Amino acid sequence: MEWAGNDPQLTYEAYAAGEPRRACGRALLGEAALGTDEESLALIDADNAEFRAEHAACNMGVWRLENNRVEHCHLCCPFPPLSPTQRDELRQLLYPPSLHIDRSATWRVELTCQHVETLDGHSERRSLSVTSPCSSSLARVASLPQHRSDSCLE
């Protein structure tokens, strides 16, 4: 089977459609259709034993989905992709609305030299340069003895 690049990960749509794993060709969904009688379970278990033997050199063990018996290699077969709902839930956990920056805010940044910079949240300028001394620091440096250098980061 041809797929983009060398990425063994299925898209969620391909996973939901029941496509087999790209790396091993084994199914993730629909194993229950193989049957739950003893003969079908014995066939699946024999197939799993053969699969484990083929992947013994991986030394990573195997995994399987809940309520499914077909095993997959931890090294060769990535876990199923997250659903759009799961991605949204994860996004909310990692980036809750309380952490979003109010782009209309004005930030007052006091530097270690006591120089104050004002930054608008909506401006293109997102950070202070770390290579230039600020203007208030330059004025102080001019009035100090030559052996001393005060500067702050702008």
N, C-alpha and C. Protein backbone atom coordinates (compact mmCIF):
# COMPACT_ATOMS: atom_id res chain seq x y z
N MET A 1 0.84 -1.18 0.00
CA MET A 1 0.00 0.00 0.00
C MET A 1 0.89 1.25 0.00
N GLU A 2 0.61 2.22 -0.85
CA GLU A 2 1.36 3.47 -0.90
C GLU A 2 0.75 4.49 0.05
N TRP A 3 1.61 5.22 0.76
CA TRP A 3 1.13 6.29 1.62
C TRP A 3 2.17 7.39 1.66
N ALA A 4 1.75 8.56 2.08
CA ALA A 4 2.59 9.76 2.04
C ALA A 4 3.85 9.57 2.88
N GLY A 5 5.01 9.78 2.27
CA GLY A 5 6.27 9.69 2.99
C GLY A 5 6.45 8.31 3.61
N ASN A 6 7.12 8.28 4.73
CA ASN A 6 7.30 7.03 5.46
C ASN A 6 6.51 7.02 6.76
N ASP A 7 5.47 7.82 6.84
CA ASP A 7 4.70 7.95 8.06
C ASP A 7 3.77 6.75 8.23
N PRO A 8 4.00 5.93 9.25
CA PRO A 8 3.14 4.76 9.46
C PRO A 8 1.80 5.11 10.10
N GLN A 9 1.64 6.36 10.53
CA GLN A 9 0.41 6.76 11.22
C GLN A 9 -0.74 6.94 10.24
N LEU A 10 -1.87 6.33 10.55
CA LEU A 10 -3.08 6.53 9.75
C LEU A 10 -3.72 7.86 10.11
N THR A 11 -4.42 8.44 9.17
CA THR A 11 -5.26 9.59 9.51
C THR A 11 -6.45 9.06 10.30
N TYR A 12 -7.13 9.95 11.02
CA TYR A 12 -8.29 9.49 11.77
C TYR A 12 -9.36 8.95 10.83
N GLU A 13 -9.52 9.59 9.70
CA GLU A 13 -10.54 9.16 8.74
C GLU A 13 -10.25 7.74 8.24
N ALA A 14 -8.97 7.46 7.94
CA ALA A 14 -8.59 6.12 7.48
C ALA A 14 -8.80 5.09 8.59
N TYR A 15 -8.44 5.48 9.81
CA TYR A 15 -8.64 4.59 10.97
C TYR A 15 -10.12 4.29 11.15
N ALA A 16 -10.96 5.34 11.14
CA ALA A 16 -12.40 5.17 11.33
C ALA A 16 -13.03 4.35 10.21
N ALA A 17 -12.44 4.41 9.01
CA ALA A 17 -12.96 3.64 7.88
C ALA A 17 -12.54 2.17 7.95
N GLY A 18 -11.69 1.84 8.93
CA GLY A 18 -11.29 0.45 9.12
C GLY A 18 -10.09 0.02 8.31
N GLU A 19 -9.32 0.98 7.76
CA GLU A 19 -8.13 0.59 7.00
C GLU A 19 -7.13 -0.10 7.92
N PRO A 20 -6.39 -1.08 7.40
CA PRO A 20 -5.39 -1.76 8.22
C PRO A 20 -4.19 -0.85 8.49
N ARG A 21 -3.39 -1.23 9.48
CA ARG A 21 -2.18 -0.47 9.83
C ARG A 21 -1.26 -0.43 8.63
N ARG A 22 -0.61 0.70 8.42
CA ARG A 22 0.32 0.83 7.29
C ARG A 22 1.58 0.00 7.50
N ALA A 23 2.05 -0.06 8.73
CA ALA A 23 3.31 -0.75 9.00
C ALA A 23 3.18 -2.26 8.96
N CYS A 24 2.08 -2.79 9.46
CA CYS A 24 1.97 -4.25 9.58
C CYS A 24 0.83 -4.86 8.77
N GLY A 25 -0.08 -4.04 8.29
CA GLY A 25 -1.21 -4.55 7.52
C GLY A 25 -2.28 -5.20 8.36
N ARG A 26 -2.16 -5.12 9.67
CA ARG A 26 -3.14 -5.73 10.57
C ARG A 26 -4.25 -4.74 10.87
N ALA A 27 -5.45 -5.26 11.04
CA ALA A 27 -6.61 -4.41 11.30
C ALA A 27 -6.59 -3.86 12.73
N LEU A 28 -7.17 -2.69 12.91
CA LEU A 28 -7.39 -2.15 14.24
C LEU A 28 -8.85 -2.28 14.65
N LEU A 29 -9.72 -2.05 13.72
CA LEU A 29 -11.15 -2.14 13.99
C LEU A 29 -11.73 -3.36 13.31
N GLY A 30 -12.80 -3.86 13.85
CA GLY A 30 -13.54 -4.91 13.18
C GLY A 30 -13.08 -6.32 13.48
N GLU A 31 -12.15 -6.50 14.44
CA GLU A 31 -11.73 -7.87 14.75
C GLU A 31 -12.89 -8.70 15.26
N ALA A 32 -13.86 -8.07 15.90
CA ALA A 32 -15.00 -8.81 16.44
C ALA A 32 -15.75 -9.55 15.33
N ALA A 33 -15.68 -9.02 14.10
CA ALA A 33 -16.36 -9.67 12.98
C ALA A 33 -15.73 -11.02 12.66
N LEU A 34 -14.49 -11.24 13.13
CA LEU A 34 -13.84 -12.52 12.88
C LEU A 34 -14.49 -13.63 13.70
N GLY A 35 -15.23 -13.26 14.70
CA GLY A 35 -15.93 -14.25 15.52
C GLY A 35 -15.39 -14.32 16.92
N THR A 36 -16.22 -14.79 17.81
CA THR A 36 -15.83 -14.93 19.20
C THR A 36 -15.88 -16.38 19.65
N ASP A 37 -16.13 -17.27 18.69
CA ASP A 37 -16.14 -18.69 19.06
C ASP A 37 -14.71 -19.15 19.29
N GLU A 38 -14.57 -20.29 19.89
CA GLU A 38 -13.24 -20.79 20.27
C GLU A 38 -12.31 -20.94 19.07
N GLU A 39 -12.84 -21.38 17.96
CA GLU A 39 -12.01 -21.58 16.76
C GLU A 39 -11.46 -20.24 16.26
N SER A 40 -12.32 -19.21 16.19
CA SER A 40 -11.87 -17.88 15.74
C SER A 40 -10.85 -17.30 16.70
N LEU A 41 -11.10 -17.43 18.00
CA LEU A 41 -10.16 -16.92 18.99
C LEU A 41 -8.82 -17.64 18.89
N ALA A 42 -8.85 -18.93 18.63
CA ALA A 42 -7.60 -19.69 18.48
C ALA A 42 -6.83 -19.22 17.25
N LEU A 43 -7.53 -18.90 16.16
CA LEU A 43 -6.87 -18.39 14.96
C LEU A 43 -6.21 -17.03 15.24
N ILE A 44 -6.92 -16.16 15.94
CA ILE A 44 -6.37 -14.84 16.28
C ILE A 44 -5.16 -15.01 17.18
N ASP A 45 -5.26 -15.88 18.19
CA ASP A 45 -4.14 -16.09 19.11
C ASP A 45 -2.92 -16.67 18.38
N ALA A 46 -3.14 -17.57 17.44
CA ALA A 46 -2.03 -18.14 16.66
C ALA A 46 -1.40 -17.05 15.78
N ASP A 47 -2.23 -16.21 15.19
CA ASP A 47 -1.73 -15.10 14.37
C ASP A 47 -0.92 -14.13 15.24
N ASN A 48 -1.41 -13.85 16.46
CA ASN A 48 -0.68 -12.98 17.37
C ASN A 48 0.67 -13.58 17.75
N ALA A 49 0.72 -14.89 17.99
CA ALA A 49 1.98 -15.55 18.34
C ALA A 49 2.98 -15.44 17.20
N GLU A 50 2.50 -15.62 15.98
CA GLU A 50 3.37 -15.47 14.80
C GLU A 50 3.86 -14.02 14.68
N PHE A 51 2.96 -13.07 14.92
CA PHE A 51 3.31 -11.65 14.85
C PHE A 51 4.37 -11.32 15.90
N ARG A 52 4.19 -11.80 17.14
CA ARG A 52 5.17 -11.54 18.20
C ARG A 52 6.53 -12.12 17.83
N ALA A 53 6.55 -13.30 17.23
CA ALA A 53 7.81 -13.92 16.81
C ALA A 53 8.50 -13.08 15.74
N GLU A 54 7.72 -12.55 14.79
CA GLU A 54 8.28 -11.69 13.74
C GLU A 54 8.85 -10.40 14.30
N HIS A 55 8.32 -9.93 15.43
CA HIS A 55 8.74 -8.65 16.01
C HIS A 55 9.55 -8.84 17.29
N ALA A 56 10.08 -10.03 17.51
CA ALA A 56 10.87 -10.29 18.71
C ALA A 56 12.10 -9.38 18.78
N ALA A 57 12.70 -9.08 17.64
CA ALA A 57 13.90 -8.23 17.62
C ALA A 57 13.59 -6.78 17.98
N CYS A 58 12.34 -6.39 17.92
CA CYS A 58 11.97 -5.01 18.28
C CYS A 58 12.15 -4.76 19.77
N ASN A 59 12.00 -5.81 20.58
CA ASN A 59 12.16 -5.72 22.04
C ASN A 59 11.31 -4.64 22.69
N MET A 60 10.13 -4.41 22.16
CA MET A 60 9.28 -3.35 22.71
C MET A 60 7.93 -3.87 23.20
N GLY A 61 7.61 -5.11 22.97
CA GLY A 61 6.32 -5.63 23.40
C GLY A 61 5.22 -5.28 22.41
N VAL A 62 4.01 -5.67 22.77
CA VAL A 62 2.87 -5.46 21.89
C VAL A 62 1.75 -4.75 22.64
N TRP A 63 0.84 -4.18 21.87
CA TRP A 63 -0.34 -3.53 22.43
C TRP A 63 -1.55 -3.93 21.60
N ARG A 64 -2.72 -3.72 22.18
CA ARG A 64 -3.96 -3.94 21.45
C ARG A 64 -5.03 -3.03 22.02
N LEU A 65 -6.02 -2.76 21.21
CA LEU A 65 -7.13 -1.92 21.63
C LEU A 65 -8.04 -2.70 22.58
N GLU A 66 -8.68 -1.98 23.46
CA GLU A 66 -9.65 -2.59 24.36
C GLU A 66 -10.73 -3.32 23.54
N ASN A 67 -11.10 -4.48 23.99
CA ASN A 67 -12.12 -5.32 23.35
C ASN A 67 -11.69 -5.86 21.99
N ASN A 68 -10.42 -5.80 21.66
CA ASN A 68 -9.89 -6.39 20.43
C ASN A 68 -8.75 -7.32 20.80
N ARG A 69 -8.54 -8.32 20.02
CA ARG A 69 -7.52 -9.31 20.34
C ARG A 69 -6.28 -9.19 19.45
N VAL A 70 -6.37 -8.51 18.34
CA VAL A 70 -5.23 -8.42 17.42
C VAL A 70 -4.17 -7.50 18.03
N GLU A 71 -2.94 -7.99 18.10
CA GLU A 71 -1.84 -7.26 18.72
C GLU A 71 -1.04 -6.48 17.68
N HIS A 72 -0.37 -5.42 18.18
CA HIS A 72 0.46 -4.56 17.35
C HIS A 72 1.76 -4.28 18.10
N CYS A 73 2.83 -4.08 17.36
CA CYS A 73 4.16 -3.84 17.92
C CYS A 73 4.29 -2.40 18.41
N HIS A 74 4.82 -2.23 19.64
CA HIS A 74 5.02 -0.88 20.17
C HIS A 74 5.99 -0.07 19.32
N LEU A 75 6.97 -0.72 18.72
CA LEU A 75 7.97 -0.01 17.93
C LEU A 75 7.48 0.30 16.52
N CYS A 76 6.85 -0.65 15.89
CA CYS A 76 6.50 -0.53 14.47
C CYS A 76 5.12 0.06 14.20
N CYS A 77 4.21 -0.10 15.13
CA CYS A 77 2.81 0.29 14.89
C CYS A 77 2.39 1.40 15.85
N PRO A 78 2.29 2.62 15.37
CA PRO A 78 1.87 3.70 16.27
C PRO A 78 0.44 3.49 16.74
N PHE A 79 0.12 4.10 17.87
CA PHE A 79 -1.23 4.02 18.40
C PHE A 79 -2.21 4.68 17.44
N PRO A 80 -3.49 4.37 17.57
CA PRO A 80 -4.49 4.99 16.69
C PRO A 80 -4.49 6.51 16.87
N PRO A 81 -4.84 7.23 15.82
CA PRO A 81 -4.89 8.69 15.92
C PRO A 81 -6.04 9.14 16.81
N LEU A 82 -5.90 10.33 17.36
CA LEU A 82 -6.98 10.90 18.17
C LEU A 82 -8.12 11.34 17.26
N SER A 83 -9.32 11.22 17.76
CA SER A 83 -10.48 11.70 17.01
C SER A 83 -10.51 13.22 17.08
N PRO A 84 -11.25 13.88 16.21
CA PRO A 84 -11.37 15.34 16.30
C PRO A 84 -11.87 15.79 17.68
N THR A 85 -12.79 15.05 18.27
CA THR A 85 -13.29 15.40 19.61
C THR A 85 -12.19 15.27 20.64
N GLN A 86 -11.41 14.20 20.57
CA GLN A 86 -10.30 14.02 21.51
C GLN A 86 -9.25 15.11 21.34
N ARG A 87 -8.96 15.50 20.10
CA ARG A 87 -8.00 16.58 19.86
C ARG A 87 -8.50 17.88 20.47
N ASP A 88 -9.80 18.18 20.31
CA ASP A 88 -10.37 19.40 20.89
C ASP A 88 -10.28 19.37 22.41
N GLU A 89 -10.59 18.22 23.01
CA GLU A 89 -10.50 18.10 24.47
C GLU A 89 -9.06 18.29 24.95
N LEU A 90 -8.12 17.70 24.25
CA LEU A 90 -6.71 17.85 24.61
C LEU A 90 -6.26 19.29 24.45
N ARG A 91 -6.68 19.93 23.37
CA ARG A 91 -6.34 21.34 23.14
C ARG A 91 -6.87 22.21 24.28
N GLN A 92 -8.07 21.93 24.76
CA GLN A 92 -8.64 22.70 25.87
C GLN A 92 -7.85 22.49 27.16
N LEU A 93 -7.35 21.26 27.36
CA LEU A 93 -6.54 20.99 28.55
C LEU A 93 -5.19 21.69 28.49
N LEU A 94 -4.56 21.65 27.32
CA LEU A 94 -3.23 22.23 27.17
C LEU A 94 -3.25 23.74 27.01
N TYR A 95 -4.29 24.27 26.37
CA TYR A 95 -4.38 25.70 26.10
C TYR A 95 -5.74 26.22 26.52
N PRO A 96 -6.01 26.25 27.82
CA PRO A 96 -7.33 26.72 28.26
C PRO A 96 -7.52 28.19 27.91
N PRO A 97 -8.78 28.59 27.74
CA PRO A 97 -9.06 30.00 27.40
C PRO A 97 -8.44 30.98 28.39
N SER A 98 -8.26 30.55 29.65
CA SER A 98 -7.67 31.46 30.65
C SER A 98 -6.22 31.81 30.32
N LEU A 99 -5.55 31.02 29.48
CA LEU A 99 -4.16 31.31 29.11
C LEU A 99 -4.03 32.11 27.83
N HIS A 100 -5.12 32.35 27.14
CA HIS A 100 -5.05 33.10 25.89
C HIS A 100 -4.72 34.56 26.20
N ILE A 101 -3.84 35.12 25.41
CA ILE A 101 -3.41 36.50 25.60
C ILE A 101 -4.43 37.44 25.00
N ASP A 102 -4.81 38.43 25.77
CA ASP A 102 -5.73 39.45 25.27
C ASP A 102 -4.93 40.38 24.37
N ARG A 103 -5.15 40.29 23.07
CA ARG A 103 -4.38 41.08 22.11
C ARG A 103 -4.69 42.57 22.19
N SER A 104 -5.74 42.94 22.91
CA SER A 104 -6.03 44.37 23.05
C SER A 104 -5.34 44.95 24.28
N ALA A 105 -4.67 44.12 25.06
CA ALA A 105 -4.04 44.57 26.29
C ALA A 105 -2.79 45.39 26.00
N THR A 106 -2.44 46.25 26.93
CA THR A 106 -1.19 47.00 26.89
C THR A 106 -0.36 46.51 28.06
N TRP A 107 0.88 46.12 27.76
CA TRP A 107 1.76 45.57 28.78
C TRP A 107 2.79 46.62 29.19
N ARG A 108 3.01 46.74 30.49
CA ARG A 108 4.04 47.63 31.03
C ARG A 108 5.16 46.72 31.51
N VAL A 109 6.31 46.78 30.81
CA VAL A 109 7.44 45.90 31.11
C VAL A 109 8.54 46.73 31.75
N GLU A 110 8.86 46.40 33.01
CA GLU A 110 9.93 47.11 33.70
C GLU A 110 11.19 46.25 33.62
N LEU A 111 12.24 46.82 33.03
CA LEU A 111 13.50 46.11 32.86
C LEU A 111 14.33 46.22 34.13
N THR A 112 15.39 45.45 34.21
CA THR A 112 16.22 45.44 35.42
C THR A 112 16.89 46.78 35.69
N CYS A 113 17.00 47.63 34.69
CA CYS A 113 17.60 48.95 34.88
C CYS A 113 16.55 49.98 35.30
N GLN A 114 15.34 49.55 35.57
CA GLN A 114 14.19 50.37 35.91
C GLN A 114 13.62 51.14 34.72
N HIS A 115 14.15 50.92 33.56
CA HIS A 115 13.56 51.49 32.35
C HIS A 115 12.24 50.76 32.09
N VAL A 116 11.22 51.48 31.66
CA VAL A 116 9.91 50.89 31.42
C VAL A 116 9.58 50.95 29.94
N GLU A 117 9.19 49.83 29.38
CA GLU A 117 8.73 49.74 28.00
C GLU A 117 7.24 49.46 28.01
N THR A 118 6.51 50.04 27.08
CA THR A 118 5.09 49.76 26.93
C THR A 118 4.89 49.02 25.62
N LEU A 119 4.26 47.87 25.71
CA LEU A 119 4.00 47.05 24.53
C LEU A 119 2.50 46.86 24.37
N ASP A 120 2.03 47.02 23.16
CA ASP A 120 0.63 46.76 22.87
C ASP A 120 0.50 45.31 22.43
N GLY A 121 -0.51 44.61 22.95
CA GLY A 121 -0.72 43.21 22.60
C GLY A 121 -1.00 43.01 21.13
N HIS A 122 -1.52 44.02 20.46
CA HIS A 122 -1.88 43.88 19.05
C HIS A 122 -0.77 44.33 18.12
N SER A 123 0.35 44.83 18.66
CA SER A 123 1.43 45.32 17.81
C SER A 123 2.23 44.15 17.23
N GLU A 124 3.00 44.44 16.21
CA GLU A 124 3.85 43.42 15.59
C GLU A 124 5.04 43.08 16.49
N ARG A 125 5.42 44.01 17.35
CA ARG A 125 6.57 43.81 18.22
C ARG A 125 6.16 42.89 19.38
N ARG A 126 6.69 41.68 19.41
CA ARG A 126 6.30 40.68 20.40
C ARG A 126 7.34 40.49 21.51
N SER A 127 8.55 40.99 21.31
CA SER A 127 9.57 40.80 22.34
C SER A 127 10.50 41.99 22.36
N LEU A 128 11.26 42.07 23.42
CA LEU A 128 12.25 43.12 23.55
C LEU A 128 13.58 42.60 23.05
N SER A 129 14.29 43.41 22.32
CA SER A 129 15.58 43.00 21.78
C SER A 129 16.57 42.81 22.92
N VAL A 130 17.43 41.84 22.83
CA VAL A 130 18.41 41.59 23.88
C VAL A 130 19.79 42.12 23.50
N THR A 131 19.90 42.89 22.43
CA THR A 131 21.22 43.34 22.00
C THR A 131 21.43 44.83 22.14
N SER A 132 20.41 45.63 22.38
CA SER A 132 20.55 47.08 22.40
C SER A 132 20.35 47.63 23.81
N PRO A 133 21.22 48.53 24.23
CA PRO A 133 20.98 49.19 25.51
C PRO A 133 19.83 50.18 25.36
N CYS A 134 19.07 50.37 26.43
CA CYS A 134 17.94 51.29 26.35
C CYS A 134 18.42 52.73 26.46
N SER A 135 17.59 53.68 26.05
CA SER A 135 17.99 55.09 26.00
C SER A 135 18.26 55.65 27.39
N SER A 136 17.51 55.27 28.41
CA SER A 136 17.77 55.81 29.74
C SER A 136 19.09 55.29 30.28
N SER A 137 19.45 54.09 29.92
CA SER A 137 20.72 53.52 30.34
C SER A 137 21.88 54.24 29.65
N LEU A 138 21.72 54.57 28.38
CA LEU A 138 22.77 55.29 27.65
C LEU A 138 23.03 56.65 28.28
N ALA A 139 21.98 57.31 28.72
CA ALA A 139 22.16 58.62 29.36
C ALA A 139 22.95 58.47 30.66
N ARG A 140 22.69 57.43 31.43
CA ARG A 140 23.43 57.20 32.67
C ARG A 140 24.88 56.83 32.38
N VAL A 141 25.12 56.03 31.34
CA VAL A 141 26.48 55.61 31.01
C VAL A 141 27.33 56.82 30.67
N ALA A 142 26.78 57.78 29.98
CA ALA A 142 27.54 58.98 29.59
C ALA A 142 28.00 59.76 30.80
N SER A 143 27.26 59.70 31.91
CA SER A 143 27.63 60.48 33.08
C SER A 143 28.48 59.69 34.07
N LEU A 144 28.77 58.43 33.80
CA LEU A 144 29.54 57.61 34.72
C LEU A 144 31.01 57.60 34.33
N PRO A 145 31.90 57.24 35.27
CA PRO A 145 33.32 57.11 34.94
C PRO A 145 33.52 56.05 33.85
N GLN A 146 34.60 56.16 33.11
CA GLN A 146 34.86 55.32 31.94
C GLN A 146 35.01 53.84 32.27
N HIS A 147 35.48 53.49 33.46
CA HIS A 147 35.74 52.08 33.77
C HIS A 147 34.46 51.29 34.07
N ARG A 148 33.35 51.96 34.20
CA ARG A 148 32.10 51.30 34.56
C ARG A 148 31.13 51.34 33.38
N SER A 149 30.37 50.28 33.19
CA SER A 149 29.41 50.24 32.10
C SER A 149 28.07 49.73 32.62
N ASP A 150 27.06 50.56 32.54
CA ASP A 150 25.69 50.15 32.89
C ASP A 150 24.88 50.11 31.61
N SER A 151 24.16 49.06 31.45
CA SER A 151 23.24 49.00 30.32
C SER A 151 22.11 48.06 30.69
N CYS A 152 21.02 48.24 30.03
CA CYS A 152 19.90 47.32 30.23
C CYS A 152 19.49 46.80 28.88
N LEU A 153 18.75 45.79 28.89
CA LEU A 153 18.28 45.19 27.65
C LEU A 153 16.98 45.86 27.24
N GLU A 154 16.89 46.15 25.97
CA GLU A 154 15.65 46.73 25.47
C GLU A 154 14.85 45.68 24.79
